[in-house]
Amino acid sequence: MIADMPEGEFLRFSEKVRHKKAALLLRAFYDSKEKGDIALYRRVEGWLQLPRLDENDFRRISNRYHFHLDKANISWKEHNLLLKDGQTHLMNHSSYAPYLPISIYLDNLRSAFNVGSILRTTEALRLGKIYFAKNTPFIDNLKVQKTSMFTYDKVPCERNVPLSDLPRPLIALETDPCAPSVFDFIFPPSFTLMLGNEEYGLSEEALALRNATVRIPLYGFKNSLNVASAFAITAGVISHQLRTLSFTPCATLFPGE
């Protein structure tokens, strides 16, 4: 424990360990705002011969925290970020917008990081319920939880639901060059958006049941986007349409309905 540790013992640690301990102490203070925690950090700060940190300046605290992570050779990951006081307040606020009556189906995604990012976007835009295929990492996955940035338990989620039971119509997000652009497509008030595997897209079963397909127009060398990035773009369009625009869905877009 740093509270009982003499300076000489602390300085016998390697530079990486010293800065890792400093980062942990600074984070503990920031998360708790307890005077005891900042006192512990002040000891280490002095031993490391660092300028006195302004404990009331979020930007300086953040920069110092990531300085310690860098010195400790801890790779940058978004879940390492410090939340601003305002963000923490919003996390505890009860006046969220209601979820839209739509669904997102994750068809055998492999990456827990992509799943966590999709959860975060879904919660931020309050898009609706997420259905997980059997092989998609679920919200009990630690990597999903970290990448979701505290949203994994705030989004309605369900796993192993048959495709035939998903809310209709089923709209596939694919790279089909003949599909309409997400920017031109009129999304209905309720539907399921299907997102496919990072390597081969949607399964044949999902494609066979789709009622429509949409694409994101791309103009560069790469003909596809990361699935979480593609979803974020599409989610923004959907949120804009359903929350701010007045429209009448076009039945001809869903010939199977």
C-alpha atoms as a PDB file:
ATOM      1  CA  MET A   1       0.000   0.000   0.000  1.00  0.00           C
ATOM      2  CA  ILE A   2       1.302   3.438  -0.959  1.00  0.00           C
ATOM      3  CA  ALA A   3       0.052   4.898   2.339  1.00  0.00           C
ATOM      4  CA  ASP A   4       2.559   2.793   4.279  1.00  0.00           C
ATOM      5  CA  MET A   5       5.325   2.677   1.682  1.00  0.00           C
ATOM      6  CA  PRO A   6       8.547   4.673   2.178  1.00  0.00           C
ATOM      7  CA  GLU A   7       9.895   6.651  -0.774  1.00  0.00           C
ATOM      8  CA  GLY A   8      12.938   4.437  -1.218  1.00  0.00           C
ATOM      9  CA  GLU A   9      10.835   1.324  -1.618  1.00  0.00           C
ATOM     10  CA  PHE A  10       8.631   3.025  -4.186  1.00  0.00           C
ATOM     11  CA  LEU A  11      11.616   4.224  -6.206  1.00  0.00           C
ATOM     12  CA  ARG A  12      13.000   0.696  -6.385  1.00  0.00           C
ATOM     13  CA  PHE A  13      10.122  -0.194  -8.674  1.00  0.00           C
ATOM     14  CA  SER A  14      10.773   0.020 -12.410  1.00  0.00           C
ATOM     15  CA  GLU A  15       9.619   3.186 -14.176  1.00  0.00           C
ATOM     16  CA  LYS A  16       6.682   1.306 -15.696  1.00  0.00           C
ATOM     17  CA  VAL A  17       5.468   0.068 -12.323  1.00  0.00           C
ATOM     18  CA  ARG A  18       5.891   3.489 -10.683  1.00  0.00           C
ATOM     19  CA  HIS A  19       3.750   5.152 -13.316  1.00  0.00           C
ATOM     20  CA  LYS A  20       1.175   2.360 -13.333  1.00  0.00           C
ATOM     21  CA  LYS A  21       0.688   2.844  -9.595  1.00  0.00           C
ATOM     22  CA  ALA A  22       0.493   6.614 -10.091  1.00  0.00           C
ATOM     23  CA  ALA A  23      -2.170   6.203 -12.778  1.00  0.00           C
ATOM     24  CA  LEU A  24      -4.228   3.945 -10.513  1.00  0.00           C
ATOM     25  CA  LEU A  25      -4.027   6.439  -7.650  1.00  0.00           C
ATOM     26  CA  LEU A  26      -5.000   9.360  -9.869  1.00  0.00           C
ATOM     27  CA  ARG A  27      -7.937   7.442 -11.285  1.00  0.00           C
ATOM     28  CA  ALA A  28      -9.055   6.451  -7.794  1.00  0.00           C
ATOM     29  CA  PHE A  29      -9.067  10.105  -6.786  1.00  0.00           C
ATOM     30  CA  TYR A  30     -10.923  11.214  -9.890  1.00  0.00           C
ATOM     31  CA  ASP A  31     -13.586   8.531  -9.553  1.00  0.00           C
ATOM     32  CA  SER A  32     -14.133   9.140  -5.832  1.00  0.00           C
ATOM     33  CA  LYS A  33     -13.108  12.791  -5.309  1.00  0.00           C
ATOM     34  CA  GLU A  34     -11.956  11.743  -1.828  1.00  0.00           C
ATOM     35  CA  LYS A  35      -9.254  13.863  -0.162  1.00  0.00           C
ATOM     36  CA  GLY A  36      -7.568  10.716   1.058  1.00  0.00           C
ATOM     37  CA  ASP A  37      -7.086   9.535  -2.517  1.00  0.00           C
ATOM     38  CA  ILE A  38      -5.558  12.814  -3.694  1.00  0.00           C
ATOM     39  CA  ALA A  39      -3.248  12.767  -0.663  1.00  0.00           C
ATOM     40  CA  LEU A  40      -1.922   9.380  -1.749  1.00  0.00           C
ATOM     41  CA  TYR A  41      -1.393  10.662  -5.264  1.00  0.00           C
ATOM     42  CA  ARG A  42       0.400  13.746  -3.925  1.00  0.00           C
ATOM     43  CA  ARG A  43       2.992  11.485  -2.262  1.00  0.00           C
ATOM     44  CA  VAL A  44       3.734   9.685  -5.513  1.00  0.00           C
ATOM     45  CA  GLU A  45       3.652  12.943  -7.456  1.00  0.00           C
ATOM     46  CA  GLY A  46       6.401  14.296  -5.221  1.00  0.00           C
ATOM     47  CA  TRP A  47       8.479  11.133  -5.445  1.00  0.00           C
ATOM     48  CA  LEU A  48       8.276  11.320  -9.238  1.00  0.00           C
ATOM     49  CA  GLN A  49       9.283  15.011  -9.084  1.00  0.00           C
ATOM     50  CA  LEU A  50       6.261  16.119 -11.095  1.00  0.00           C
ATOM     51  CA  PRO A  51       4.708  19.626 -10.979  1.00  0.00           C
ATOM     52  CA  ARG A  52       1.773  19.870  -8.596  1.00  0.00           C
ATOM     53  CA  LEU A  53      -1.412  18.897 -10.410  1.00  0.00           C
ATOM     54  CA  ASP A  54      -4.446  21.164 -10.269  1.00  0.00           C
ATOM     55  CA  GLU A  55      -7.032  18.719  -8.910  1.00  0.00           C
ATOM     56  CA  ASN A  56      -9.904  20.881 -10.169  1.00  0.00           C
ATOM     57  CA  ASP A  57      -8.830  21.007 -13.829  1.00  0.00           C
ATOM     58  CA  PHE A  58     -10.246  18.043 -15.768  1.00  0.00           C
ATOM     59  CA  ARG A  59      -8.038  18.621 -18.820  1.00  0.00           C
ATOM     60  CA  ARG A  60      -4.849  18.621 -16.733  1.00  0.00           C
ATOM     61  CA  ILE A  61      -5.965  15.552 -14.790  1.00  0.00           C
ATOM     62  CA  SER A  62      -6.716  13.712 -18.031  1.00  0.00           C
ATOM     63  CA  ASN A  63      -3.353  14.668 -19.560  1.00  0.00           C
ATOM     64  CA  ARG A  64      -1.477  13.618 -16.424  1.00  0.00           C
ATOM     65  CA  TYR A  65      -3.373  10.344 -16.232  1.00  0.00           C
ATOM     66  CA  HIS A  66      -2.510   9.454 -19.838  1.00  0.00           C
ATOM     67  CA  PHE A  67       1.079  10.594 -19.244  1.00  0.00           C
ATOM     68  CA  HIS A  68       1.310   7.919 -16.554  1.00  0.00           C
ATOM     69  CA  LEU A  69      -0.303   5.307 -18.817  1.00  0.00           C
ATOM     70  CA  ASP A  70       2.195   6.131 -21.561  1.00  0.00           C
ATOM     71  CA  LYS A  71       5.148   5.835 -19.180  1.00  0.00           C
ATOM     72  CA  ALA A  72       3.725   2.548 -17.910  1.00  0.00           C
ATOM     73  CA  ASN A  73       3.517   1.318 -21.530  1.00  0.00           C
ATOM     74  CA  ILE A  74      -0.197   0.675 -21.160  1.00  0.00           C
ATOM     75  CA  SER A  75      -1.789   0.839 -24.591  1.00  0.00           C
ATOM     76  CA  TRP A  76      -4.515   3.427 -25.118  1.00  0.00           C
ATOM     77  CA  LYS A  77      -8.032   2.048 -25.033  1.00  0.00           C
ATOM     78  CA  GLU A  78     -11.181   4.096 -24.872  1.00  0.00           C
ATOM     79  CA  HIS A  79     -12.440   2.450 -21.714  1.00  0.00           C
ATOM     80  CA  ASN A  80      -9.377   3.901 -19.966  1.00  0.00           C
ATOM     81  CA  LEU A  81     -10.764   7.393 -20.446  1.00  0.00           C
ATOM     82  CA  LEU A  82     -11.856   9.497 -17.515  1.00  0.00           C
ATOM     83  CA  LEU A  83     -15.474  10.610 -17.638  1.00  0.00           C
ATOM     84  CA  LYS A  84     -16.168  14.291 -17.206  1.00  0.00           C
ATOM     85  CA  ASP A  85     -18.341  15.286 -14.273  1.00  0.00           C
ATOM     86  CA  GLY A  86     -21.099  16.218 -16.690  1.00  0.00           C
ATOM     87  CA  GLN A  87     -20.964  12.788 -18.302  1.00  0.00           C
ATOM     88  CA  THR A  88     -21.146  11.102 -14.909  1.00  0.00           C
ATOM     89  CA  HIS A  89     -24.166  13.221 -14.061  1.00  0.00           C
ATOM     90  CA  LEU A  90     -25.897  12.238 -17.279  1.00  0.00           C
ATOM     91  CA  MET A  91     -25.292   8.568 -16.556  1.00  0.00           C
ATOM     92  CA  ASN A  92     -27.410   8.934 -13.396  1.00  0.00           C
ATOM     93  CA  HIS A  93     -30.096  11.092 -14.979  1.00  0.00           C
ATOM     94  CA  SER A  94     -33.560   9.622 -15.461  1.00  0.00           C
ATOM     95  CA  SER A  95     -34.917  11.782 -18.292  1.00  0.00           C
ATOM     96  CA  TYR A  96     -33.610   9.801 -21.258  1.00  0.00           C
ATOM     97  CA  ALA A  97     -35.422   9.766 -24.575  1.00  0.00           C
ATOM     98  CA  PRO A  98     -37.488   6.592 -25.070  1.00  0.00           C
ATOM     99  CA  TYR A  99     -36.082   3.843 -27.245  1.00  0.00           C
ATOM    100  CA  LEU A 100     -37.414   3.791 -30.785  1.00  0.00           C
ATOM    101  CA  PRO A 101     -39.535   0.705 -31.641  1.00  0.00           C
ATOM    102  CA  ILE A 102     -36.894  -0.814 -33.907  1.00  0.00           C
ATOM    103  CA  SER A 103     -34.475  -3.720 -33.575  1.00  0.00           C
ATOM    104  CA  ILE A 104     -30.893  -4.513 -34.547  1.00  0.00           C
ATOM    105  CA  TYR A 105     -29.835  -8.068 -35.353  1.00  0.00           C
ATOM    106  CA  LEU A 106     -26.151  -9.010 -34.990  1.00  0.00           C
ATOM    107  CA  ASP A 107     -25.660 -11.952 -37.343  1.00  0.00           C
ATOM    108  CA  ASN A 108     -22.636 -13.864 -36.001  1.00  0.00           C
ATOM    109  CA  LEU A 109     -20.296 -10.911 -35.468  1.00  0.00           C
ATOM    110  CA  ARG A 110     -16.913 -12.041 -34.176  1.00  0.00           C
ATOM    111  CA  SER A 111     -15.442  -8.931 -32.580  1.00  0.00           C
ATOM    112  CA  ALA A 112     -16.463  -8.097 -29.025  1.00  0.00           C
ATOM    113  CA  PHE A 113     -15.135  -4.593 -29.658  1.00  0.00           C
ATOM    114  CA  ASN A 114     -17.518  -4.116 -32.588  1.00  0.00           C
ATOM    115  CA  VAL A 115     -20.404  -5.385 -30.481  1.00  0.00           C
ATOM    116  CA  GLY A 116     -19.532  -2.998 -27.640  1.00  0.00           C
ATOM    117  CA  SER A 117     -19.343  -0.090 -30.056  1.00  0.00           C
ATOM    118  CA  ILE A 118     -22.733  -0.994 -31.542  1.00  0.00           C
ATOM    119  CA  LEU A 119     -24.235  -1.110 -28.050  1.00  0.00           C
ATOM    120  CA  ARG A 120     -22.823   2.327 -27.291  1.00  0.00           C
ATOM    121  CA  THR A 121     -24.265   3.822 -30.496  1.00  0.00           C
ATOM    122  CA  THR A 122     -27.620   2.144 -29.932  1.00  0.00           C
ATOM    123  CA  GLU A 123     -27.900   3.559 -26.414  1.00  0.00           C
ATOM    124  CA  ALA A 124     -26.684   7.024 -27.403  1.00  0.00           C
ATOM    125  CA  LEU A 125     -29.335   7.288 -30.129  1.00  0.00           C
ATOM    126  CA  ARG A 126     -31.886   5.208 -28.185  1.00  0.00           C
ATOM    127  CA  LEU A 127     -32.563   3.046 -31.208  1.00  0.00           C
ATOM    128  CA  GLY A 128     -34.171  -0.018 -29.722  1.00  0.00           C
ATOM    129  CA  LYS A 129     -33.544  -3.667 -28.922  1.00  0.00           C
ATOM    130  CA  ILE A 130     -30.518  -5.711 -30.009  1.00  0.00           C
ATOM    131  CA  TYR A 131     -30.865  -9.369 -30.937  1.00  0.00           C
ATOM    132  CA  PHE A 132     -27.707 -11.490 -30.767  1.00  0.00           C
ATOM    133  CA  ALA A 133     -27.129 -14.507 -32.975  1.00  0.00           C
ATOM    134  CA  LYS A 134     -25.701 -17.603 -31.286  1.00  0.00           C
ATOM    135  CA  ASN A 135     -22.040 -16.877 -32.097  1.00  0.00           C
ATOM    136  CA  THR A 136     -22.091 -13.123 -31.436  1.00  0.00           C
ATOM    137  CA  PRO A 137     -20.346 -12.129 -28.153  1.00  0.00           C
ATOM    138  CA  PHE A 138     -23.065 -11.257 -25.645  1.00  0.00           C
ATOM    139  CA  ILE A 139     -23.181  -8.551 -22.970  1.00  0.00           C
ATOM    140  CA  ASP A 140     -21.613 -10.885 -20.395  1.00  0.00           C
ATOM    141  CA  ASN A 141     -18.352 -10.636 -22.385  1.00  0.00           C
ATOM    142  CA  LEU A 142     -15.882  -8.341 -20.572  1.00  0.00           C
ATOM    143  CA  LYS A 143     -14.540  -6.864 -23.822  1.00  0.00           C
ATOM    144  CA  VAL A 144     -18.091  -6.035 -24.907  1.00  0.00           C
ATOM    145  CA  GLN A 145     -18.716  -4.365 -21.560  1.00  0.00           C
ATOM    146  CA  LYS A 146     -15.557  -2.260 -21.663  1.00  0.00           C
ATOM    147  CA  THR A 147     -16.039  -1.100 -25.243  1.00  0.00           C
ATOM    148  CA  SER A 148     -19.675  -0.249 -24.626  1.00  0.00           C
ATOM    149  CA  MET A 149     -18.557   2.450 -22.148  1.00  0.00           C
ATOM    150  CA  PHE A 150     -21.110   1.664 -19.421  1.00  0.00           C
ATOM    151  CA  THR A 151     -24.046   1.053 -21.794  1.00  0.00           C
ATOM    152  CA  TYR A 152     -24.114  -2.748 -22.046  1.00  0.00           C
ATOM    153  CA  ASP A 153     -26.709  -3.035 -19.260  1.00  0.00           C
ATOM    154  CA  LYS A 154     -28.827  -0.107 -20.505  1.00  0.00           C
ATOM    155  CA  VAL A 155     -29.806  -1.476 -23.927  1.00  0.00           C
ATOM    156  CA  PRO A 156     -32.562  -4.122 -24.243  1.00  0.00           C
ATOM    157  CA  CYS A 157     -30.813  -7.290 -25.441  1.00  0.00           C
ATOM    158  CA  GLU A 158     -31.851 -10.832 -26.294  1.00  0.00           C
ATOM    159  CA  ARG A 159     -29.954 -13.772 -27.735  1.00  0.00           C
ATOM    160  CA  ASN A 160     -30.685 -16.892 -29.793  1.00  0.00           C
ATOM    161  CA  VAL A 161     -33.988 -15.612 -31.203  1.00  0.00           C
ATOM    162  CA  PRO A 162     -34.890 -17.322 -34.518  1.00  0.00           C
ATOM    163  CA  LEU A 163     -34.725 -15.069 -37.550  1.00  0.00           C
ATOM    164  CA  SER A 164     -38.352 -15.849 -38.274  1.00  0.00           C
ATOM    165  CA  ASP A 165     -39.335 -14.281 -34.943  1.00  0.00           C
ATOM    166  CA  LEU A 166     -37.585 -10.943 -35.492  1.00  0.00           C
ATOM    167  CA  PRO A 167     -39.800  -7.864 -35.957  1.00  0.00           C
ATOM    168  CA  ARG A 168     -40.594  -7.279 -39.636  1.00  0.00           C
ATOM    169  CA  PRO A 169     -39.666  -5.971 -42.095  1.00  0.00           C
ATOM    170  CA  LEU A 170     -36.059  -7.200 -42.090  1.00  0.00           C
ATOM    171  CA  ILE A 171     -33.669  -4.654 -43.638  1.00  0.00           C
ATOM    172  CA  ALA A 172     -30.162  -5.821 -44.496  1.00  0.00           C
ATOM    173  CA  LEU A 173     -27.194  -3.448 -44.385  1.00  0.00           C
ATOM    174  CA  GLU A 174     -24.931  -4.788 -47.135  1.00  0.00           C
ATOM    175  CA  THR A 175     -22.494  -3.704 -49.856  1.00  0.00           C
ATOM    176  CA  ASP A 176     -24.874  -4.610 -52.686  1.00  0.00           C
ATOM    177  CA  PRO A 177     -24.219  -1.981 -55.419  1.00  0.00           C
ATOM    178  CA  CYS A 178     -27.832  -2.272 -56.599  1.00  0.00           C
ATOM    179  CA  ALA A 179     -29.324  -1.495 -53.189  1.00  0.00           C
ATOM    180  CA  PRO A 180     -30.656   1.999 -52.402  1.00  0.00           C
ATOM    181  CA  SER A 181     -28.487   4.345 -50.344  1.00  0.00           C
ATOM    182  CA  VAL A 182     -29.280   4.684 -46.639  1.00  0.00           C
ATOM    183  CA  PHE A 183     -29.489   8.432 -47.315  1.00  0.00           C
ATOM    184  CA  ASP A 184     -32.330   7.965 -49.823  1.00  0.00           C
ATOM    185  CA  PHE A 185     -34.143   5.044 -48.226  1.00  0.00           C
ATOM    186  CA  ILE A 186     -37.348   5.702 -46.264  1.00  0.00           C
ATOM    187  CA  PHE A 187     -37.161   3.640 -43.078  1.00  0.00           C
ATOM    188  CA  PRO A 188     -40.503   2.457 -41.657  1.00  0.00           C
ATOM    189  CA  PRO A 189     -41.521   3.282 -38.068  1.00  0.00           C
ATOM    190  CA  SER A 190     -40.686  -0.252 -36.914  1.00  0.00           C
ATOM    191  CA  PHE A 191     -38.286  -2.805 -38.423  1.00  0.00           C
ATOM    192  CA  THR A 192     -35.163  -4.909 -37.814  1.00  0.00           C
ATOM    193  CA  LEU A 193     -31.810  -3.776 -39.195  1.00  0.00           C
ATOM    194  CA  MET A 194     -29.569  -6.772 -39.855  1.00  0.00           C
ATOM    195  CA  LEU A 195     -25.770  -6.454 -39.514  1.00  0.00           C
ATOM    196  CA  GLY A 196     -23.495  -9.175 -40.845  1.00  0.00           C
ATOM    197  CA  ASN A 197     -20.237 -10.883 -39.995  1.00  0.00           C
ATOM    198  CA  GLU A 198     -17.053  -8.803 -40.369  1.00  0.00           C
ATOM    199  CA  GLU A 199     -15.603 -11.160 -43.014  1.00  0.00           C
ATOM    200  CA  TYR A 200     -18.488 -12.406 -45.145  1.00  0.00           C
ATOM    201  CA  GLY A 201     -21.469 -10.239 -44.254  1.00  0.00           C
ATOM    202  CA  LEU A 202     -24.935 -11.605 -43.569  1.00  0.00           C
ATOM    203  CA  SER A 203     -25.599 -15.323 -43.563  1.00  0.00           C
ATOM    204  CA  GLU A 204     -27.491 -16.941 -46.426  1.00  0.00           C
ATOM    205  CA  GLU A 205     -30.396 -17.576 -44.053  1.00  0.00           C
ATOM    206  CA  ALA A 206     -30.622 -13.900 -43.142  1.00  0.00           C
ATOM    207  CA  LEU A 207     -30.360 -12.774 -46.757  1.00  0.00           C
ATOM    208  CA  ALA A 208     -33.088 -15.215 -47.785  1.00  0.00           C
ATOM    209  CA  LEU A 209     -35.511 -13.669 -45.293  1.00  0.00           C
ATOM    210  CA  ARG A 210     -34.719  -9.998 -45.876  1.00  0.00           C
ATOM    211  CA  ASN A 211     -37.429  -7.678 -47.098  1.00  0.00           C
ATOM    212  CA  ALA A 212     -35.078  -4.935 -48.283  1.00  0.00           C
ATOM    213  CA  THR A 213     -31.374  -4.106 -48.553  1.00  0.00           C
ATOM    214  CA  VAL A 214     -29.623  -0.776 -48.020  1.00  0.00           C
ATOM    215  CA  ARG A 215     -26.051   0.301 -48.562  1.00  0.00           C
ATOM    216  CA  ILE A 216     -23.710   3.132 -47.651  1.00  0.00           C
ATOM    217  CA  PRO A 217     -22.312   4.753 -50.821  1.00  0.00           C
ATOM    218  CA  LEU A 218     -18.515   4.435 -50.871  1.00  0.00           C
ATOM    219  CA  TYR A 219     -16.169   6.139 -53.308  1.00  0.00           C
ATOM    220  CA  GLY A 220     -12.674   5.007 -52.381  1.00  0.00           C
ATOM    221  CA  PHE A 221     -10.394   2.028 -52.874  1.00  0.00           C
ATOM    222  CA  LYS A 222     -12.015   0.136 -49.999  1.00  0.00           C
ATOM    223  CA  ASN A 223     -15.514  -1.120 -50.802  1.00  0.00           C
ATOM    224  CA  SER A 224     -16.604  -1.723 -47.221  1.00  0.00           C
ATOM    225  CA  LEU A 225     -16.504  -0.218 -43.734  1.00  0.00           C
ATOM    226  CA  ASN A 226     -15.992  -1.705 -40.302  1.00  0.00           C
ATOM    227  CA  VAL A 227     -19.409  -2.994 -39.204  1.00  0.00           C
ATOM    228  CA  ALA A 228     -19.544  -0.737 -36.144  1.00  0.00           C
ATOM    229  CA  SER A 229     -18.671   2.304 -38.280  1.00  0.00           C
ATOM    230  CA  ALA A 230     -21.244   1.361 -40.912  1.00  0.00           C
ATOM    231  CA  PHE A 231     -23.856   0.931 -38.219  1.00  0.00           C
ATOM    232  CA  ALA A 232     -23.052   4.329 -36.687  1.00  0.00           C
ATOM    233  CA  ILE A 233     -23.640   6.042 -40.044  1.00  0.00           C
ATOM    234  CA  THR A 234     -26.882   4.164 -40.636  1.00  0.00           C
ATOM    235  CA  ALA A 235     -28.036   4.686 -37.060  1.00  0.00           C
ATOM    236  CA  GLY A 236     -27.621   8.432 -37.438  1.00  0.00           C
ATOM    237  CA  VAL A 237     -29.790   8.409 -40.557  1.00  0.00           C
ATOM    238  CA  ILE A 238     -32.448   6.277 -38.867  1.00  0.00           C
ATOM    239  CA  SER A 239     -32.546   8.456 -35.762  1.00  0.00           C
ATOM    240  CA  HIS A 240     -32.816  11.611 -37.852  1.00  0.00           C
ATOM    241  CA  GLN A 241     -35.654  10.221 -39.939  1.00  0.00           C
ATOM    242  CA  LEU A 242     -37.735   8.707 -37.168  1.00  0.00           C
ATOM    243  CA  ARG A 243     -37.277  11.484 -34.635  1.00  0.00           C
ATOM    244  CA  THR A 244     -37.294  14.629 -36.757  1.00  0.00           C
ATOM    245  CA  LEU A 245     -38.921  13.964 -40.127  1.00  0.00           C
ATOM    246  CA  SER A 246     -42.536  13.443 -41.054  1.00  0.00           C
ATOM    247  CA  PHE A 247     -42.991  10.814 -43.729  1.00  0.00           C
ATOM    248  CA  THR A 248     -45.193   8.011 -44.998  1.00  0.00           C
ATOM    249  CA  PRO A 249     -43.392   4.664 -45.478  1.00  0.00           C
ATOM    250  CA  CYS A 250     -43.479   3.375 -49.036  1.00  0.00           C
ATOM    251  CA  ALA A 251     -45.032  -0.101 -49.105  1.00  0.00           C
ATOM    252  CA  THR A 252     -43.397  -0.928 -52.435  1.00  0.00           C
ATOM    253  CA  LEU A 253     -40.022  -1.099 -50.682  1.00  0.00           C
ATOM    254  CA  PHE A 254     -41.182  -4.283 -48.965  1.00  0.00           C
ATOM    255  CA  PRO A 255     -42.777  -6.486 -51.592  1.00  0.00           C
ATOM    256  CA  GLY A 256     -42.896  -9.451 -49.250  1.00  0.00           C
ATOM    257  CA  GLU A 257     -45.065  -7.654 -46.694  1.00  0.00           C
END
